Amino acid sequence: MLQDPHAEKLTQAIVAMGIALKMTVVAEGVETREQMNWLLAQGCHVGQGYFFSPPVAPDEVQQVIERIEVRLAH
């Protein structure tokens, strides 16, 4: 999305539409901190994707959440 100006404008429009409709905007497929920072700057509320974690087994979720919290605090 950050390398393609058309994709960037489309993403901005989708986020703006969600905000205008008073929805919680969730970005899927976030792969980098740069992408997440850009999405947050556009008003996106939440992200998910490999930037945070690959899919994990249910018994590993708590450990993954703790690792994500530590990483995002820096």
PDB file of N, CA and C in Angstrom:
ATOM      1  N   MET A   1       0.816  -1.185   0.000  1.00  0.00           N
ATOM      2  CA  MET A   1       0.000   0.000   0.000  1.00  0.00           C
ATOM      3  C   MET A   1       0.862   1.251   0.000  1.00  0.00           C
ATOM      4  N   LEU A   2       2.016   1.207   0.654  1.00  0.00           N
ATOM      5  CA  LEU A   2       2.844   2.414   0.724  1.00  0.00           C
ATOM      6  C   LEU A   2       3.686   2.617  -0.532  1.00  0.00           C
ATOM      7  N   GLN A   3       3.790   1.606  -1.387  1.00  0.00           N
ATOM      8  CA  GLN A   3       4.559   1.741  -2.616  1.00  0.00           C
ATOM      9  C   GLN A   3       3.675   2.109  -3.804  1.00  0.00           C
ATOM     10  N   ASP A   4       2.378   1.969  -3.668  1.00  0.00           N
ATOM     11  CA  ASP A   4       1.447   2.223  -4.773  1.00  0.00           C
ATOM     12  C   ASP A   4       0.536   3.390  -4.399  1.00  0.00           C
ATOM     13  N   PRO A   5       0.677   4.527  -5.076  1.00  0.00           N
ATOM     14  CA  PRO A   5      -0.137   5.696  -4.715  1.00  0.00           C
ATOM     15  C   PRO A   5      -1.642   5.447  -4.837  1.00  0.00           C
ATOM     16  N   HIS A   6      -2.052   4.605  -5.777  1.00  0.00           N
ATOM     17  CA  HIS A   6      -3.476   4.301  -5.912  1.00  0.00           C
ATOM     18  C   HIS A   6      -3.970   3.498  -4.713  1.00  0.00           C
ATOM     19  N   ALA A   7      -3.188   2.520  -4.291  1.00  0.00           N
ATOM     20  CA  ALA A   7      -3.556   1.722  -3.119  1.00  0.00           C
ATOM     21  C   ALA A   7      -3.576   2.590  -1.864  1.00  0.00           C
ATOM     22  N   GLU A   8      -2.642   3.513  -1.762  1.00  0.00           N
ATOM     23  CA  GLU A   8      -2.596   4.417  -0.614  1.00  0.00           C
ATOM     24  C   GLU A   8      -3.860   5.276  -0.548  1.00  0.00           C
ATOM     25  N   LYS A   9      -4.250   5.858  -1.688  1.00  0.00           N
ATOM     26  CA  LYS A   9      -5.464   6.691  -1.716  1.00  0.00           C
ATOM     27  C   LYS A   9      -6.708   5.870  -1.420  1.00  0.00           C
ATOM     28  N   LEU A  10      -6.767   4.660  -1.935  1.00  0.00           N
ATOM     29  CA  LEU A  10      -7.914   3.785  -1.671  1.00  0.00           C
ATOM     30  C   LEU A  10      -7.991   3.445  -0.185  1.00  0.00           C
ATOM     31  N   THR A  11      -6.855   3.138   0.412  1.00  0.00           N
ATOM     32  CA  THR A  11      -6.827   2.821   1.840  1.00  0.00           C
ATOM     33  C   THR A  11      -7.248   4.027   2.669  1.00  0.00           C
ATOM     34  N   GLN A  12      -6.761   5.214   2.313  1.00  0.00           N
ATOM     35  CA  GLN A  12      -7.176   6.428   3.011  1.00  0.00           C
ATOM     36  C   GLN A  12      -8.692   6.602   2.936  1.00  0.00           C
ATOM     37  N   ALA A  13      -9.261   6.373   1.767  1.00  0.00           N
ATOM     38  CA  ALA A  13     -10.702   6.543   1.584  1.00  0.00           C
ATOM     39  C   ALA A  13     -11.488   5.527   2.418  1.00  0.00           C
ATOM     40  N   ILE A  14     -11.023   4.292   2.465  1.00  0.00           N
ATOM     41  CA  ILE A  14     -11.716   3.261   3.243  1.00  0.00           C
ATOM     42  C   ILE A  14     -11.673   3.590   4.732  1.00  0.00           C
ATOM     43  N   VAL A  15     -10.503   4.005   5.218  1.00  0.00           N
ATOM     44  CA  VAL A  15     -10.382   4.375   6.636  1.00  0.00           C
ATOM     45  C   VAL A  15     -11.295   5.571   6.933  1.00  0.00           C
ATOM     46  N   ALA A  16     -11.280   6.576   6.070  1.00  0.00           N
ATOM     47  CA  ALA A  16     -12.118   7.765   6.279  1.00  0.00           C
ATOM     48  C   ALA A  16     -13.601   7.399   6.280  1.00  0.00           C
ATOM     49  N   MET A  17     -13.992   6.501   5.408  1.00  0.00           N
ATOM     50  CA  MET A  17     -15.384   6.072   5.358  1.00  0.00           C
ATOM     51  C   MET A  17     -15.777   5.365   6.663  1.00  0.00           C
ATOM     52  N   GLY A  18     -14.921   4.479   7.150  1.00  0.00           N
ATOM     53  CA  GLY A  18     -15.204   3.802   8.411  1.00  0.00           C
ATOM     54  C   GLY A  18     -15.335   4.781   9.566  1.00  0.00           C
ATOM     55  N   ILE A  19     -14.440   5.756   9.610  1.00  0.00           N
ATOM     56  CA  ILE A  19     -14.494   6.770  10.664  1.00  0.00           C
ATOM     57  C   ILE A  19     -15.777   7.584  10.550  1.00  0.00           C
ATOM     58  N   ALA A  20     -16.138   7.988   9.327  1.00  0.00           N
ATOM     59  CA  ALA A  20     -17.357   8.777   9.122  1.00  0.00           C
ATOM     60  C   ALA A  20     -18.603   8.007   9.554  1.00  0.00           C
ATOM     61  N   LEU A  21     -18.554   6.690   9.431  1.00  0.00           N
ATOM     62  CA  LEU A  21     -19.675   5.840   9.847  1.00  0.00           C
ATOM     63  C   LEU A  21     -19.593   5.431  11.320  1.00  0.00           C
ATOM     64  N   LYS A  22     -18.613   6.020  12.021  1.00  0.00           N
ATOM     65  CA  LYS A  22     -18.402   5.760  13.449  1.00  0.00           C
ATOM     66  C   LYS A  22     -18.166   4.275  13.737  1.00  0.00           C
ATOM     67  N   MET A  23     -17.394   3.651  12.852  1.00  0.00           N
ATOM     68  CA  MET A  23     -17.043   2.241  12.997  1.00  0.00           C
ATOM     69  C   MET A  23     -15.628   2.122  13.545  1.00  0.00           C
ATOM     70  N   THR A  24     -15.330   1.003  14.166  1.00  0.00           N
ATOM     71  CA  THR A  24     -13.956   0.685  14.532  1.00  0.00           C
ATOM     72  C   THR A  24     -13.284   0.166  13.274  1.00  0.00           C
ATOM     73  N   VAL A  25     -12.206   0.817  12.866  1.00  0.00           N
ATOM     74  CA  VAL A  25     -11.514   0.463  11.628  1.00  0.00           C
ATOM     75  C   VAL A  25     -10.372  -0.490  11.954  1.00  0.00           C
ATOM     76  N   VAL A  26     -10.406  -1.672  11.340  1.00  0.00           N
ATOM     77  CA  VAL A  26      -9.393  -2.706  11.550  1.00  0.00           C
ATOM     78  C   VAL A  26      -8.674  -2.955  10.235  1.00  0.00           C
ATOM     79  N   ALA A  27      -7.358  -2.810  10.232  1.00  0.00           N
ATOM     80  CA  ALA A  27      -6.550  -3.094   9.048  1.00  0.00           C
ATOM     81  C   ALA A  27      -6.046  -4.526   9.131  1.00  0.00           C
ATOM     82  N   GLU A  28      -6.255  -5.279   8.083  1.00  0.00           N
ATOM     83  CA  GLU A  28      -5.763  -6.653   8.025  1.00  0.00           C
ATOM     84  C   GLU A  28      -4.555  -6.718   7.110  1.00  0.00           C
ATOM     85  N   GLY A  29      -3.663  -7.637   7.394  1.00  0.00           N
ATOM     86  CA  GLY A  29      -2.502  -7.835   6.538  1.00  0.00           C
ATOM     87  C   GLY A  29      -1.364  -6.880   6.802  1.00  0.00           C
ATOM     88  N   VAL A  30      -1.295  -6.320   8.000  1.00  0.00           N
ATOM     89  CA  VAL A  30      -0.212  -5.393   8.349  1.00  0.00           C
ATOM     90  C   VAL A  30       1.081  -6.200   8.499  1.00  0.00           C
ATOM     91  N   GLU A  31       2.090  -5.825   7.732  1.00  0.00           N
ATOM     92  CA  GLU A  31       3.343  -6.572   7.738  1.00  0.00           C
ATOM     93  C   GLU A  31       4.523  -5.818   8.334  1.00  0.00           C
ATOM     94  N   THR A  32       4.442  -4.473   8.417  1.00  0.00           N
ATOM     95  CA  THR A  32       5.586  -3.694   8.911  1.00  0.00           C
ATOM     96  C   THR A  32       5.120  -2.615   9.888  1.00  0.00           C
ATOM     97  N   ARG A  33       6.058  -2.165  10.709  1.00  0.00           N
ATOM     98  CA  ARG A  33       5.777  -1.050  11.628  1.00  0.00           C
ATOM     99  C   ARG A  33       5.423   0.205  10.826  1.00  0.00           C
ATOM    100  N   GLU A  34       6.111   0.413   9.706  1.00  0.00           N
ATOM    101  CA  GLU A  34       5.837   1.572   8.863  1.00  0.00           C
ATOM    102  C   GLU A  34       4.380   1.578   8.399  1.00  0.00           C
ATOM    103  N   GLN A  35       3.883   0.431   7.971  1.00  0.00           N
ATOM    104  CA  GLN A  35       2.479   0.333   7.557  1.00  0.00           C
ATOM    105  C   GLN A  35       1.546   0.656   8.728  1.00  0.00           C
ATOM    106  N   MET A  36       1.821   0.083   9.901  1.00  0.00           N
ATOM    107  CA  MET A  36       0.946   0.308  11.056  1.00  0.00           C
ATOM    108  C   MET A  36       0.974   1.770  11.470  1.00  0.00           C
ATOM    109  N   ASN A  37       2.146   2.375  11.472  1.00  0.00           N
ATOM    110  CA  ASN A  37       2.241   3.798  11.825  1.00  0.00           C
ATOM    111  C   ASN A  37       1.447   4.659  10.848  1.00  0.00           C
ATOM    112  N   TRP A  38       1.546   4.344   9.561  1.00  0.00           N
ATOM    113  CA  TRP A  38       0.800   5.101   8.551  1.00  0.00           C
ATOM    114  C   TRP A  38      -0.702   4.929   8.776  1.00  0.00           C
ATOM    115  N   LEU A  39      -1.143   3.695   9.017  1.00  0.00           N
ATOM    116  CA  LEU A  39      -2.564   3.429   9.256  1.00  0.00           C
ATOM    117  C   LEU A  39      -3.068   4.174  10.493  1.00  0.00           C
ATOM    118  N   LEU A  40      -2.295   4.162  11.555  1.00  0.00           N
ATOM    119  CA  LEU A  40      -2.680   4.894  12.768  1.00  0.00           C
ATOM    120  C   LEU A  40      -2.793   6.391  12.481  1.00  0.00           C
ATOM    121  N   ALA A  41      -1.860   6.915  11.697  1.00  0.00           N
ATOM    122  CA  ALA A  41      -1.892   8.341  11.348  1.00  0.00           C
ATOM    123  C   ALA A  41      -3.135   8.694  10.524  1.00  0.00           C
ATOM    124  N   GLN A  42      -3.669   7.723   9.789  1.00  0.00           N
ATOM    125  CA  GLN A  42      -4.879   7.946   9.004  1.00  0.00           C
ATOM    126  C   GLN A  42      -6.148   7.814   9.846  1.00  0.00           C
ATOM    127  N   GLY A  43      -6.000   7.323  11.082  1.00  0.00           N
ATOM    128  CA  GLY A  43      -7.158   7.173  11.958  1.00  0.00           C
ATOM    129  C   GLY A  43      -7.602   5.742  12.177  1.00  0.00           C
ATOM    130  N   CYS A  44      -6.887   4.801  11.591  1.00  0.00           N
ATOM    131  CA  CYS A  44      -7.209   3.379  11.798  1.00  0.00           C
ATOM    132  C   CYS A  44      -7.033   3.045  13.277  1.00  0.00           C
ATOM    133  N   HIS A  45      -7.923   2.240  13.819  1.00  0.00           N
ATOM    134  CA  HIS A  45      -7.918   1.945  15.244  1.00  0.00           C
ATOM    135  C   HIS A  45      -7.100   0.715  15.623  1.00  0.00           C
ATOM    136  N   VAL A  46      -7.143  -0.322  14.791  1.00  0.00           N
ATOM    137  CA  VAL A  46      -6.547  -1.607  15.139  1.00  0.00           C
ATOM    138  C   VAL A  46      -5.932  -2.225  13.895  1.00  0.00           C
ATOM    139  N   GLY A  47      -4.878  -3.006  14.088  1.00  0.00           N
ATOM    140  CA  GLY A  47      -4.284  -3.734  12.976  1.00  0.00           C
ATOM    141  C   GLY A  47      -4.041  -5.182  13.345  1.00  0.00           C
ATOM    142  N   GLN A  48      -3.985  -6.008  12.340  1.00  0.00           N
ATOM    143  CA  GLN A  48      -3.615  -7.401  12.550  1.00  0.00           C
ATOM    144  C   GLN A  48      -2.814  -7.853  11.351  1.00  0.00           C
ATOM    145  N   GLY A  49      -1.966  -8.828  11.564  1.00  0.00           N
ATOM    146  CA  GLY A  49      -1.156  -9.349  10.472  1.00  0.00           C
ATOM    147  C   GLY A  49       0.176  -9.849  10.976  1.00  0.00           C
ATOM    148  N   TYR A  50       1.036 -10.217  10.046  1.00  0.00           N
ATOM    149  CA  TYR A  50       2.322 -10.815  10.402  1.00  0.00           C
ATOM    150  C   TYR A  50       3.242  -9.852  11.143  1.00  0.00           C
ATOM    151  N   PHE A  51       2.997  -8.548  11.060  1.00  0.00           N
ATOM    152  CA  PHE A  51       3.794  -7.611  11.871  1.00  0.00           C
ATOM    153  C   PHE A  51       3.651  -7.948  13.354  1.00  0.00           C
ATOM    154  N   PHE A  52       2.468  -8.370  13.726  1.00  0.00           N
ATOM    155  CA  PHE A  52       2.200  -8.692  15.120  1.00  0.00           C
ATOM    156  C   PHE A  52       2.552 -10.141  15.421  1.00  0.00           C
ATOM    157  N   SER A  53       2.104 -11.060  14.573  1.00  0.00           N
ATOM    158  CA  SER A  53       2.380 -12.477  14.798  1.00  0.00           C
ATOM    159  C   SER A  53       1.835 -13.303  13.651  1.00  0.00           C
ATOM    160  N   PRO A  54       2.524 -14.393  13.319  1.00  0.00           N
ATOM    161  CA  PRO A  54       1.904 -15.359  12.421  1.00  0.00           C
ATOM    162  C   PRO A  54       0.809 -16.099  13.199  1.00  0.00           C
ATOM    163  N   PRO A  55      -0.029 -16.871  12.533  1.00  0.00           N
ATOM    164  CA  PRO A  55      -1.045 -17.641  13.254  1.00  0.00           C
ATOM    165  C   PRO A  55      -0.387 -18.552  14.299  1.00  0.00           C
ATOM    166  N   VAL A  56      -1.041 -18.671  15.454  1.00  0.00           N
ATOM    167  CA  VAL A  56      -0.501 -19.518  16.526  1.00  0.00           C
ATOM    168  C   VAL A  56      -1.615 -20.396  17.098  1.00  0.00           C
ATOM    169  N   ALA A  57      -1.199 -21.427  17.791  1.00  0.00           N
ATOM    170  CA  ALA A  57      -2.143 -22.321  18.462  1.00  0.00           C
ATOM    171  C   ALA A  57      -2.785 -21.577  19.637  1.00  0.00           C
ATOM    172  N   PRO A  58      -4.013 -21.950  20.000  1.00  0.00           N
ATOM    173  CA  PRO A  58      -4.717 -21.260  21.092  1.00  0.00           C
ATOM    174  C   PRO A  58      -3.915 -21.192  22.392  1.00  0.00           C
ATOM    175  N   ASP A  59      -3.174 -22.219  22.714  1.00  0.00           N
ATOM    176  CA  ASP A  59      -2.435 -22.208  23.981  1.00  0.00           C
ATOM    177  C   ASP A  59      -1.211 -21.295  23.949  1.00  0.00           C
ATOM    178  N   GLU A  60      -0.887 -20.727  22.791  1.00  0.00           N
ATOM    179  CA  GLU A  60       0.257 -19.813  22.670  1.00  0.00           C
ATOM    180  C   GLU A  60      -0.160 -18.344  22.631  1.00  0.00           C
ATOM    181  N   VAL A  61      -1.457 -18.074  22.585  1.00  0.00           N
ATOM    182  CA  VAL A  61      -1.945 -16.708  22.386  1.00  0.00           C
ATOM    183  C   VAL A  61      -1.461 -15.757  23.481  1.00  0.00           C
ATOM    184  N   GLN A  62      -1.559 -16.138  24.724  1.00  0.00           N
ATOM    185  CA  GLN A  62      -1.150 -15.246  25.818  1.00  0.00           C
ATOM    186  C   GLN A  62       0.323 -14.866  25.713  1.00  0.00           C
ATOM    187  N   GLN A  63       1.182 -15.834  25.392  1.00  0.00           N
ATOM    188  CA  GLN A  63       2.605 -15.538  25.239  1.00  0.00           C
ATOM    189  C   GLN A  63       2.844 -14.571  24.081  1.00  0.00           C
ATOM    190  N   VAL A  64       2.132 -14.756  22.998  1.00  0.00           N
ATOM    191  CA  VAL A  64       2.276 -13.869  21.839  1.00  0.00           C
ATOM    192  C   VAL A  64       1.836 -12.456  22.197  1.00  0.00           C
ATOM    193  N   ILE A  65       0.725 -12.325  22.890  1.00  0.00           N
ATOM    194  CA  ILE A  65       0.243 -11.006  23.307  1.00  0.00           C
ATOM    195  C   ILE A  65       1.288 -10.305  24.161  1.00  0.00           C
ATOM    196  N   GLU A  66       1.882 -11.019  25.083  1.00  0.00           N
ATOM    197  CA  GLU A  66       2.910 -10.425  25.949  1.00  0.00           C
ATOM    198  C   GLU A  66       4.110  -9.967  25.128  1.00  0.00           C
ATOM    199  N   ARG A  67       4.548 -10.767  24.143  1.00  0.00           N
ATOM    200  CA  ARG A  67       5.681 -10.369  23.290  1.00  0.00           C
ATOM    201  C   ARG A  67       5.332  -9.133  22.467  1.00  0.00           C
ATOM    202  N   ILE A  68       4.118  -9.083  21.943  1.00  0.00           N
ATOM    203  CA  ILE A  68       3.690  -7.921  21.165  1.00  0.00           C
ATOM    204  C   ILE A  68       3.676  -6.665  22.024  1.00  0.00           C
ATOM    205  N   GLU A  69       3.142  -6.768  23.228  1.00  0.00           N
ATOM    206  CA  GLU A  69       3.094  -5.600  24.116  1.00  0.00           C
ATOM    207  C   GLU A  69       4.476  -5.076  24.420  1.00  0.00           C
ATOM    208  N   VAL A  70       5.424  -5.961  24.660  1.00  0.00           N
ATOM    209  CA  VAL A  70       6.808  -5.547  24.942  1.00  0.00           C
ATOM    210  C   VAL A  70       7.402  -4.867  23.715  1.00  0.00           C
ATOM    211  N   ARG A  71       7.201  -5.474  22.541  1.00  0.00           N
ATOM    212  CA  ARG A  71       7.777  -4.916  21.307  1.00  0.00           C
ATOM    213  C   ARG A  71       7.166  -3.553  20.985  1.00  0.00           C
ATOM    214  N   LEU A  72       5.885  -3.379  21.162  1.00  0.00           N
ATOM    215  CA  LEU A  72       5.250  -2.103  20.840  1.00  0.00           C
ATOM    216  C   LEU A  72       5.575  -1.012  21.842  1.00  0.00           C
ATOM    217  N   ALA A  73       5.999  -1.381  23.026  1.00  0.00           N
ATOM    218  CA  ALA A  73       6.349  -0.391  24.042  1.00  0.00           C
ATOM    219  C   ALA A  73       7.669   0.313  23.706  1.00  0.00           C
ATOM    220  N   HIS A  74       8.463  -0.257  22.813  1.00  0.00           N
ATOM    221  CA  HIS A  74       9.762   0.336  22.471  1.00  0.00           C
ATOM    222  C   HIS A  74       9.689   1.200  21.279  1.00  0.00           C
TER     223      HIS A  74
END
